[in-house]
Amino acid sequence: MDLGIAGRTALIVGGSGLIGRAVAAALIRERVRVVLAARTADRLTEAAGALGAKVGTLTLDTRDANSVTPAIEELIAAEGAIDIVVNAAAPPASTLDPAKDQDPGQVLDAFDAKAVGYLRVIDAVLPYMRRTGFGRIINISGQNAFLTRSVTGAVRNAAVIVASKALADSVAGTGITINVVNPGPVTATPTPAPGPAGPGDSTPEQVAALVTFLASAQAAAISGESIAVGHRVHGVQ
């Protein structure tokens, strides 16, 4: 299937991470020009080299609007376009301290790093996408949004889903779509039978396959949706 995005430019924020790299590889196969963004230049250089293709890199910190906005303006000036944005820059769930799950400081920090960080990127790219009449924004959230056992995880991921829906509605009819992908645990070796009351595993490539389709021309009628990757079992709605 021709996804109709050859020649487009994609910015993958969190491009040095596991999901970001897989998405980059999938988009490169569709002949998309890929730019990886992350906080650490060394990790970006390593990720770009591992992809074995010519990709751009951009250093930015999504927790700081004064880092995000100038970096994206610089990218648009250099590349001439940002057609696709994948937001995948957030600390993994494994880095959250379970002992501080209800601690307001941890919850606020996680909320800012993920949900508000994504909003900073979107706020910077939307004016350009509105002018061109085309845009695909895919936000990586997580199935913890639907699990009551994690306050921090639920708050930061649910916020991404709700904000994305509101934003998608606000740009309806402009040629811009905004969707959310919700993975469970992402691993190279998924567990074939997930346990009760938990999210199912998926590979980075499985997550990337969905992201790539949502970035396609064929997905023009899909916006404001929140889609899970990984079999969802009892307790995960």
C-alpha atoms as a PDB file:
ATOM      1  CA  MET A   1       0.000   0.000   0.000  1.00  0.00           C
ATOM      2  CA  ASP A   2       1.276   3.447  -0.918  1.00  0.00           C
ATOM      3  CA  LEU A   3       0.748   5.576   2.171  1.00  0.00           C
ATOM      4  CA  GLY A   4       1.061   8.785   0.187  1.00  0.00           C
ATOM      5  CA  ILE A   5       3.669  10.436   2.403  1.00  0.00           C
ATOM      6  CA  ALA A   6       6.837  10.020   0.331  1.00  0.00           C
ATOM      7  CA  GLY A   7       8.729  13.297   0.370  1.00  0.00           C
ATOM      8  CA  ARG A   8       7.054  14.544   3.537  1.00  0.00           C
ATOM      9  CA  THR A   9       9.119  15.689   6.527  1.00  0.00           C
ATOM     10  CA  ALA A  10       8.617  14.085   9.942  1.00  0.00           C
ATOM     11  CA  LEU A  11       9.843  15.324  13.311  1.00  0.00           C
ATOM     12  CA  ILE A  12      10.122  12.552  15.891  1.00  0.00           C
ATOM     13  CA  VAL A  13      10.459  14.044  19.364  1.00  0.00           C
ATOM     14  CA  GLY A  14      12.030  11.420  21.571  1.00  0.00           C
ATOM     15  CA  GLY A  15      13.663  10.030  18.457  1.00  0.00           C
ATOM     16  CA  SER A  16      16.584   8.495  20.324  1.00  0.00           C
ATOM     17  CA  GLY A  17      14.294   6.200  22.345  1.00  0.00           C
ATOM     18  CA  LEU A  18      13.021   2.705  21.633  1.00  0.00           C
ATOM     19  CA  ILE A  19       9.704   3.734  20.078  1.00  0.00           C
ATOM     20  CA  GLY A  20      11.141   6.801  18.366  1.00  0.00           C
ATOM     21  CA  ARG A  21      13.776   4.777  16.548  1.00  0.00           C
ATOM     22  CA  ALA A  22      11.249   2.205  15.377  1.00  0.00           C
ATOM     23  CA  VAL A  23       8.945   4.939  14.076  1.00  0.00           C
ATOM     24  CA  ALA A  24      11.865   6.583  12.293  1.00  0.00           C
ATOM     25  CA  ALA A  25      12.798   3.319  10.583  1.00  0.00           C
ATOM     26  CA  ALA A  26       9.197   2.746   9.471  1.00  0.00           C
ATOM     27  CA  LEU A  27       8.851   6.261   8.063  1.00  0.00           C
ATOM     28  CA  ILE A  28      12.182   6.039   6.266  1.00  0.00           C
ATOM     29  CA  ARG A  29      10.873   2.954   4.471  1.00  0.00           C
ATOM     30  CA  GLU A  30       8.005   5.155   3.254  1.00  0.00           C
ATOM     31  CA  ARG A  31      10.593   7.609   1.861  1.00  0.00           C
ATOM     32  CA  VAL A  32       9.815  10.242   4.470  1.00  0.00           C
ATOM     33  CA  ARG A  33      12.512  12.721   5.429  1.00  0.00           C
ATOM     34  CA  VAL A  34      13.083  12.098   9.149  1.00  0.00           C
ATOM     35  CA  VAL A  35      14.420  14.453  11.807  1.00  0.00           C
ATOM     36  CA  LEU A  36      15.100  13.040  15.278  1.00  0.00           C
ATOM     37  CA  ALA A  37      14.778  15.330  18.292  1.00  0.00           C
ATOM     38  CA  ALA A  38      15.856  14.744  21.890  1.00  0.00           C
ATOM     39  CA  ARG A  39      17.656  16.437  24.765  1.00  0.00           C
ATOM     40  CA  THR A  40      20.992  14.650  24.421  1.00  0.00           C
ATOM     41  CA  ALA A  41      23.095  15.248  21.317  1.00  0.00           C
ATOM     42  CA  ASP A  42      25.223  12.127  21.835  1.00  0.00           C
ATOM     43  CA  ARG A  43      22.177   9.843  21.925  1.00  0.00           C
ATOM     44  CA  LEU A  44      20.773  11.536  18.838  1.00  0.00           C
ATOM     45  CA  THR A  45      24.003  10.978  16.942  1.00  0.00           C
ATOM     46  CA  GLU A  46      24.054   7.315  17.955  1.00  0.00           C
ATOM     47  CA  ALA A  47      20.406   6.810  16.997  1.00  0.00           C
ATOM     48  CA  ALA A  48      20.852   8.503  13.639  1.00  0.00           C
ATOM     49  CA  GLY A  49      23.885   6.351  12.887  1.00  0.00           C
ATOM     50  CA  ALA A  50      22.071   3.156  13.860  1.00  0.00           C
ATOM     51  CA  LEU A  51      19.269   3.871  11.397  1.00  0.00           C
ATOM     52  CA  GLY A  52      21.689   3.603   8.506  1.00  0.00           C
ATOM     53  CA  ALA A  53      20.005   6.389   6.561  1.00  0.00           C
ATOM     54  CA  LYS A  54      20.398  10.110   6.196  1.00  0.00           C
ATOM     55  CA  VAL A  55      18.364  11.642   9.008  1.00  0.00           C
ATOM     56  CA  GLY A  56      18.437  15.048  10.607  1.00  0.00           C
ATOM     57  CA  THR A  57      18.880  15.717  14.312  1.00  0.00           C
ATOM     58  CA  LEU A  58      17.579  18.477  16.540  1.00  0.00           C
ATOM     59  CA  THR A  59      18.464  19.055  20.181  1.00  0.00           C
ATOM     60  CA  LEU A  60      15.618  20.372  22.319  1.00  0.00           C
ATOM     61  CA  ASP A  61      14.075  19.963  25.764  1.00  0.00           C
ATOM     62  CA  THR A  62      10.282  19.641  25.710  1.00  0.00           C
ATOM     63  CA  ARG A  63      10.123  20.857  29.312  1.00  0.00           C
ATOM     64  CA  ASP A  64      11.266  24.307  28.189  1.00  0.00           C
ATOM     65  CA  ALA A  65       9.278  26.386  25.687  1.00  0.00           C
ATOM     66  CA  ASN A  66      12.355  28.560  25.189  1.00  0.00           C
ATOM     67  CA  SER A  67      14.110  25.448  23.885  1.00  0.00           C
ATOM     68  CA  VAL A  68      11.241  24.025  21.822  1.00  0.00           C
ATOM     69  CA  THR A  69       9.993  27.038  19.875  1.00  0.00           C
ATOM     70  CA  PRO A  70      13.333  28.340  18.520  1.00  0.00           C
ATOM     71  CA  ALA A  71      14.455  24.805  17.638  1.00  0.00           C
ATOM     72  CA  ILE A  72      11.307  24.123  15.618  1.00  0.00           C
ATOM     73  CA  GLU A  73      11.464  27.519  13.910  1.00  0.00           C
ATOM     74  CA  GLU A  74      15.061  26.725  12.962  1.00  0.00           C
ATOM     75  CA  LEU A  75      14.004  23.328  11.619  1.00  0.00           C
ATOM     76  CA  ILE A  76      11.221  24.785   9.469  1.00  0.00           C
ATOM     77  CA  ALA A  77      13.638  27.351   8.060  1.00  0.00           C
ATOM     78  CA  ALA A  78      16.176  24.628   7.248  1.00  0.00           C
ATOM     79  CA  GLU A  79      13.830  21.912   5.956  1.00  0.00           C
ATOM     80  CA  GLY A  80      11.049  24.053   4.555  1.00  0.00           C
ATOM     81  CA  ALA A  81       8.395  21.856   6.150  1.00  0.00           C
ATOM     82  CA  ILE A  82       7.175  19.874   9.128  1.00  0.00           C
ATOM     83  CA  ASP A  83       4.351  17.650   7.943  1.00  0.00           C
ATOM     84  CA  ILE A  84       4.356  14.889  10.564  1.00  0.00           C
ATOM     85  CA  VAL A  85       5.088  15.152  14.286  1.00  0.00           C
ATOM     86  CA  VAL A  86       5.430  12.158  16.585  1.00  0.00           C
ATOM     87  CA  ASN A  87       5.614  13.018  20.281  1.00  0.00           C
ATOM     88  CA  ALA A  88       7.370  10.204  22.136  1.00  0.00           C
ATOM     89  CA  ALA A  89       9.605  12.129  24.528  1.00  0.00           C
ATOM     90  CA  ALA A  90       8.749  11.204  28.094  1.00  0.00           C
ATOM     91  CA  PRO A  91      10.510   9.314  30.882  1.00  0.00           C
ATOM     92  CA  PRO A  92       9.575   5.601  30.782  1.00  0.00           C
ATOM     93  CA  ALA A  93       7.099   4.365  33.378  1.00  0.00           C
ATOM     94  CA  SER A  94       9.921   2.304  34.894  1.00  0.00           C
ATOM     95  CA  THR A  95      11.659   5.539  35.964  1.00  0.00           C
ATOM     96  CA  LEU A  96       8.738   6.614  38.158  1.00  0.00           C
ATOM     97  CA  ASP A  97       9.127   5.902  41.879  1.00  0.00           C
ATOM     98  CA  PRO A  98       6.220   3.674  43.071  1.00  0.00           C
ATOM     99  CA  ALA A  99       6.799   4.901  46.622  1.00  0.00           C
ATOM    100  CA  LYS A 100       5.990   8.439  45.449  1.00  0.00           C
ATOM    101  CA  ASP A 101       3.058   7.510  43.225  1.00  0.00           C
ATOM    102  CA  GLN A 102       0.726   9.984  44.963  1.00  0.00           C
ATOM    103  CA  ASP A 103       3.414  12.553  45.694  1.00  0.00           C
ATOM    104  CA  PRO A 104       2.291  15.865  44.154  1.00  0.00           C
ATOM    105  CA  GLY A 105       5.843  16.692  43.134  1.00  0.00           C
ATOM    106  CA  GLN A 106       6.314  13.505  41.130  1.00  0.00           C
ATOM    107  CA  VAL A 107       2.835  13.745  39.587  1.00  0.00           C
ATOM    108  CA  LEU A 108       3.382  17.357  38.539  1.00  0.00           C
ATOM    109  CA  ASP A 109       6.849  16.649  37.143  1.00  0.00           C
ATOM    110  CA  ALA A 110       5.587  13.667  35.132  1.00  0.00           C
ATOM    111  CA  PHE A 111       2.599  15.683  33.878  1.00  0.00           C
ATOM    112  CA  ASP A 112       4.873  18.512  32.751  1.00  0.00           C
ATOM    113  CA  ALA A 113       7.446  16.230  31.127  1.00  0.00           C
ATOM    114  CA  LYS A 114       4.853  14.352  29.068  1.00  0.00           C
ATOM    115  CA  ALA A 115       1.492  16.072  28.593  1.00  0.00           C
ATOM    116  CA  VAL A 116       2.693  19.675  28.759  1.00  0.00           C
ATOM    117  CA  GLY A 117       5.880  18.816  26.869  1.00  0.00           C
ATOM    118  CA  TYR A 118       3.790  17.450  24.012  1.00  0.00           C
ATOM    119  CA  LEU A 119       1.664  20.608  24.072  1.00  0.00           C
ATOM    120  CA  ARG A 120       4.760  22.798  23.776  1.00  0.00           C
ATOM    121  CA  VAL A 121       5.768  20.962  20.601  1.00  0.00           C
ATOM    122  CA  ILE A 122       2.246  21.075  19.161  1.00  0.00           C
ATOM    123  CA  ASP A 123       1.914  24.779  19.957  1.00  0.00           C
ATOM    124  CA  ALA A 124       5.092  25.428  17.975  1.00  0.00           C
ATOM    125  CA  VAL A 125       4.141  23.400  14.877  1.00  0.00           C
ATOM    126  CA  LEU A 126       0.399  24.080  14.543  1.00  0.00           C
ATOM    127  CA  PRO A 127       0.698  27.584  13.029  1.00  0.00           C
ATOM    128  CA  TYR A 128       2.870  26.200  10.230  1.00  0.00           C
ATOM    129  CA  MET A 129       0.571  23.229   9.615  1.00  0.00           C
ATOM    130  CA  ARG A 130      -2.447  25.538   9.496  1.00  0.00           C
ATOM    131  CA  ARG A 131      -0.764  27.610   6.791  1.00  0.00           C
ATOM    132  CA  THR A 132       0.055  24.579   4.648  1.00  0.00           C
ATOM    133  CA  GLY A 133      -3.249  22.790   5.192  1.00  0.00           C
ATOM    134  CA  PHE A 134      -1.633  19.470   6.079  1.00  0.00           C
ATOM    135  CA  GLY A 135      -0.455  17.928   9.317  1.00  0.00           C
ATOM    136  CA  ARG A 136      -0.276  14.641  11.136  1.00  0.00           C
ATOM    137  CA  ILE A 137       0.378  14.692  14.880  1.00  0.00           C
ATOM    138  CA  ILE A 138       0.644  11.403  16.751  1.00  0.00           C
ATOM    139  CA  ASN A 139       1.113  11.468  20.516  1.00  0.00           C
ATOM    140  CA  ILE A 140       2.415   8.408  22.353  1.00  0.00           C
ATOM    141  CA  SER A 141       0.526   8.015  25.628  1.00  0.00           C
ATOM    142  CA  GLY A 142       0.150   4.674  27.409  1.00  0.00           C
ATOM    143  CA  GLN A 143      -2.330   2.170  28.765  1.00  0.00           C
ATOM    144  CA  ASN A 144      -1.545   3.344  32.300  1.00  0.00           C
ATOM    145  CA  ALA A 145      -4.091   6.056  31.515  1.00  0.00           C
ATOM    146  CA  PHE A 146      -6.753   3.410  32.148  1.00  0.00           C
ATOM    147  CA  LEU A 147      -5.230   1.779  35.243  1.00  0.00           C
ATOM    148  CA  THR A 148      -6.266   3.022  38.680  1.00  0.00           C
ATOM    149  CA  ARG A 149      -3.225   1.443  40.330  1.00  0.00           C
ATOM    150  CA  SER A 150      -0.886   4.246  39.194  1.00  0.00           C
ATOM    151  CA  VAL A 151      -1.768   7.831  40.044  1.00  0.00           C
ATOM    152  CA  THR A 152       1.261   9.325  38.312  1.00  0.00           C
ATOM    153  CA  GLY A 153       0.890   7.161  35.215  1.00  0.00           C
ATOM    154  CA  ALA A 154      -2.841   7.738  34.978  1.00  0.00           C
ATOM    155  CA  VAL A 155      -2.576  11.519  35.288  1.00  0.00           C
ATOM    156  CA  ARG A 156       0.173  12.049  32.739  1.00  0.00           C
ATOM    157  CA  ASN A 157      -1.239   9.637  30.161  1.00  0.00           C
ATOM    158  CA  ALA A 158      -4.909  10.542  30.537  1.00  0.00           C
ATOM    159  CA  ALA A 159      -3.968  14.195  30.144  1.00  0.00           C
ATOM    160  CA  VAL A 160      -2.337  13.430  26.789  1.00  0.00           C
ATOM    161  CA  ILE A 161      -5.489  11.656  25.583  1.00  0.00           C
ATOM    162  CA  VAL A 162      -7.929  14.361  26.696  1.00  0.00           C
ATOM    163  CA  ALA A 163      -5.797  17.244  25.408  1.00  0.00           C
ATOM    164  CA  SER A 164      -5.262  15.500  22.073  1.00  0.00           C
ATOM    165  CA  LYS A 165      -9.001  15.046  21.590  1.00  0.00           C
ATOM    166  CA  ALA A 166      -9.674  18.710  22.346  1.00  0.00           C
ATOM    167  CA  LEU A 167      -6.921  19.808  19.967  1.00  0.00           C
ATOM    168  CA  ALA A 168      -8.135  17.460  17.237  1.00  0.00           C
ATOM    169  CA  ASP A 169     -11.610  18.964  17.467  1.00  0.00           C
ATOM    170  CA  SER A 170     -10.150  22.473  17.285  1.00  0.00           C
ATOM    171  CA  VAL A 171      -8.384  21.754  13.962  1.00  0.00           C
ATOM    172  CA  ALA A 172     -11.160  19.720  12.340  1.00  0.00           C
ATOM    173  CA  GLY A 173     -11.467  20.501   8.644  1.00  0.00           C
ATOM    174  CA  THR A 174      -8.010  22.063   8.333  1.00  0.00           C
ATOM    175  CA  GLY A 175      -6.186  19.029   6.938  1.00  0.00           C
ATOM    176  CA  ILE A 176      -4.530  18.404  10.306  1.00  0.00           C
ATOM    177  CA  THR A 177      -5.199  15.250  12.307  1.00  0.00           C
ATOM    178  CA  ILE A 178      -4.199  14.544  15.903  1.00  0.00           C
ATOM    179  CA  ASN A 179      -4.327  11.045  17.365  1.00  0.00           C
ATOM    180  CA  VAL A 180      -2.986   9.103  20.336  1.00  0.00           C
ATOM    181  CA  VAL A 181      -1.319   5.690  20.404  1.00  0.00           C
ATOM    182  CA  ASN A 182      -1.415   3.849  23.746  1.00  0.00           C
ATOM    183  CA  PRO A 183       1.172   1.079  24.101  1.00  0.00           C
ATOM    184  CA  GLY A 184       1.436  -1.234  27.052  1.00  0.00           C
ATOM    185  CA  PRO A 185       4.955  -2.451  27.890  1.00  0.00           C
ATOM    186  CA  VAL A 186       7.134  -2.242  24.779  1.00  0.00           C
ATOM    187  CA  THR A 187       9.694  -5.005  24.370  1.00  0.00           C
ATOM    188  CA  ALA A 188      11.470  -6.993  21.679  1.00  0.00           C
ATOM    189  CA  THR A 189      10.030 -10.192  23.172  1.00  0.00           C
ATOM    190  CA  PRO A 190       6.340  -9.670  24.043  1.00  0.00           C
ATOM    191  CA  THR A 191       4.684 -12.033  26.499  1.00  0.00           C
ATOM    192  CA  PRO A 192       2.226 -14.166  24.496  1.00  0.00           C
ATOM    193  CA  ALA A 193      -0.348 -14.337  27.314  1.00  0.00           C
ATOM    194  CA  PRO A 194      -0.771 -11.124  29.352  1.00  0.00           C
ATOM    195  CA  GLY A 195      -1.808 -11.461  32.972  1.00  0.00           C
ATOM    196  CA  PRO A 196      -5.127 -10.257  34.410  1.00  0.00           C
ATOM    197  CA  ALA A 197      -5.794  -6.551  34.958  1.00  0.00           C
ATOM    198  CA  GLY A 198      -2.772  -5.426  32.986  1.00  0.00           C
ATOM    199  CA  PRO A 199      -1.868  -4.140  29.542  1.00  0.00           C
ATOM    200  CA  GLY A 200      -0.459  -6.448  26.894  1.00  0.00           C
ATOM    201  CA  ASP A 201       3.059  -6.205  25.507  1.00  0.00           C
ATOM    202  CA  SER A 202       3.963  -5.050  22.018  1.00  0.00           C
ATOM    203  CA  THR A 203       7.142  -4.652  20.010  1.00  0.00           C
ATOM    204  CA  PRO A 204       8.479  -1.237  18.985  1.00  0.00           C
ATOM    205  CA  GLU A 205       7.795  -2.208  15.381  1.00  0.00           C
ATOM    206  CA  GLN A 206       4.130  -2.926  16.147  1.00  0.00           C
ATOM    207  CA  VAL A 207       3.752   0.505  17.712  1.00  0.00           C
ATOM    208  CA  ALA A 208       5.551   2.068  14.754  1.00  0.00           C
ATOM    209  CA  ALA A 209       3.258   0.352  12.248  1.00  0.00           C
ATOM    210  CA  LEU A 210       0.201   2.045  13.748  1.00  0.00           C
ATOM    211  CA  VAL A 211       1.945   5.405  14.038  1.00  0.00           C
ATOM    212  CA  THR A 212       3.017   5.217  10.394  1.00  0.00           C
ATOM    213  CA  PHE A 213      -0.509   4.505   9.200  1.00  0.00           C
ATOM    214  CA  LEU A 214      -1.899   7.398  11.256  1.00  0.00           C
ATOM    215  CA  ALA A 215       0.689   9.626   9.570  1.00  0.00           C
ATOM    216  CA  SER A 216      -0.477   8.558   6.118  1.00  0.00           C
ATOM    217  CA  ALA A 217      -2.658  10.255   3.541  1.00  0.00           C
ATOM    218  CA  GLN A 218      -5.118   7.359   3.905  1.00  0.00           C
ATOM    219  CA  ALA A 219      -5.691   8.266   7.570  1.00  0.00           C
ATOM    220  CA  ALA A 220      -7.087  11.710   6.753  1.00  0.00           C
ATOM    221  CA  ALA A 221     -10.492  10.813   8.216  1.00  0.00           C
ATOM    222  CA  ILE A 222      -9.067   9.574  11.532  1.00  0.00           C
ATOM    223  CA  SER A 223      -8.592  12.271  14.159  1.00  0.00           C
ATOM    224  CA  GLY A 224      -9.203  12.655  17.868  1.00  0.00           C
ATOM    225  CA  GLU A 225      -8.821   8.920  18.412  1.00  0.00           C
ATOM    226  CA  SER A 226      -6.979   7.026  21.148  1.00  0.00           C
ATOM    227  CA  ILE A 227      -5.852   3.593  19.981  1.00  0.00           C
ATOM    228  CA  ALA A 228      -4.221   0.849  22.056  1.00  0.00           C
ATOM    229  CA  VAL A 229      -1.350  -1.351  20.914  1.00  0.00           C
ATOM    230  CA  GLY A 230      -1.012  -4.560  22.899  1.00  0.00           C
ATOM    231  CA  HIS A 231      -3.914  -6.798  23.833  1.00  0.00           C
ATOM    232  CA  ARG A 232      -6.003  -5.157  26.556  1.00  0.00           C
ATOM    233  CA  VAL A 233      -7.387  -7.466  29.216  1.00  0.00           C
ATOM    234  CA  HIS A 234      -9.746  -7.194  32.190  1.00  0.00           C
ATOM    235  CA  GLY A 235      -9.199  -3.976  34.084  1.00  0.00           C
ATOM    236  CA  VAL A 236      -7.923  -2.067  31.039  1.00  0.00           C
ATOM    237  CA  GLN A 237     -10.745  -0.284  29.229  1.00  0.00           C
END
